[in-house]
Structure formats: structure tokens, C-alpha cells
Amino acid sequence: MRTRNYVCVCGYEEHWDIHGARNILAKELYGKMCHIPEETKRKYLWIA
């Protein structure tokens, strides 16, 4: 089954959209893709 999570062989796992947004932010801030520490916990809101 296909999920919307990016999974690396090293064990890192993240939602595709968040992973992509972090890559874009890192590229803009640092000129390269690198680790950006997570400052807050994510909350997913489900519409009933």
C-alpha cells in the first residue's frame, strides 16, 4: 500500500509535504539541503 510518507533507508520518516517543504526552506536558508530541527509537534486536523 502506498502512503504519503517519505521513508529513507536510514530510518528517517516524514510526510511527503513536510519533507519537501523542509528541503525548500533549507535550500533557501543555507544554499543546500541539510537537517532543520523540528521545533514544534505537528497536529493533523481531520475534517469530519
Protein backbone atom coordinates (compact mmCIF):
# COMPACT_ATOMS: atom_id res chain seq x y z
CA MET A 1 0.00 0.00 0.00
CA ARG A 2 1.33 3.40 -0.95
CA THR A 3 1.42 6.09 1.75
CA ARG A 4 2.16 9.79 1.70
CA ASN A 5 5.29 9.31 3.81
CA TYR A 6 8.87 9.63 2.67
CA VAL A 7 10.96 6.78 4.12
CA CYS A 8 14.75 6.78 3.90
CA VAL A 9 16.90 3.65 4.17
CA CYS A 10 18.47 5.20 7.31
CA GLY A 11 15.10 5.06 9.10
CA TYR A 12 14.08 8.70 8.72
CA GLU A 13 10.35 9.00 8.00
CA GLU A 14 8.31 12.15 7.29
CA HIS A 15 5.14 13.17 5.47
CA TRP A 16 5.97 13.99 1.83
CA ASP A 17 4.70 17.56 2.01
CA ILE A 18 6.61 18.38 5.20
CA HIS A 19 9.77 16.72 3.87
CA GLY A 20 9.53 18.73 0.65
CA ALA A 21 8.86 21.99 2.48
CA ARG A 22 11.91 21.43 4.69
CA ASN A 23 14.07 20.81 1.62
CA ILE A 24 12.88 24.06 0.02
CA LEU A 25 13.42 26.01 3.27
CA ALA A 26 16.92 24.57 3.80
CA LYS A 27 17.90 25.33 0.20
CA GLU A 28 16.76 28.96 0.63
CA LEU A 29 18.31 29.49 4.08
CA TYR A 30 21.58 27.58 3.68
CA GLY A 31 22.05 27.18 -0.07
CA LYS A 32 21.96 23.40 0.32
CA MET A 33 19.69 20.70 1.67
CA CYS A 34 20.51 19.94 5.31
CA HIS A 35 18.79 18.97 8.55
CA ILE A 36 16.40 21.53 10.03
CA PRO A 37 15.48 20.72 13.64
CA GLU A 38 11.81 20.31 14.44
CA GLU A 39 10.68 22.98 16.91
CA THR A 40 7.04 22.05 17.38
CA LYS A 41 4.90 18.96 17.26
CA ARG A 42 2.66 18.55 14.24
CA LYS A 43 -1.08 18.25 14.60
CA TYR A 44 -3.22 16.88 11.82
CA LEU A 45 -6.79 18.10 11.82
CA TRP A 46 -9.32 15.77 10.30
CA ILE A 47 -12.45 17.26 8.81
CA ALA A 48 -15.50 15.28 9.90
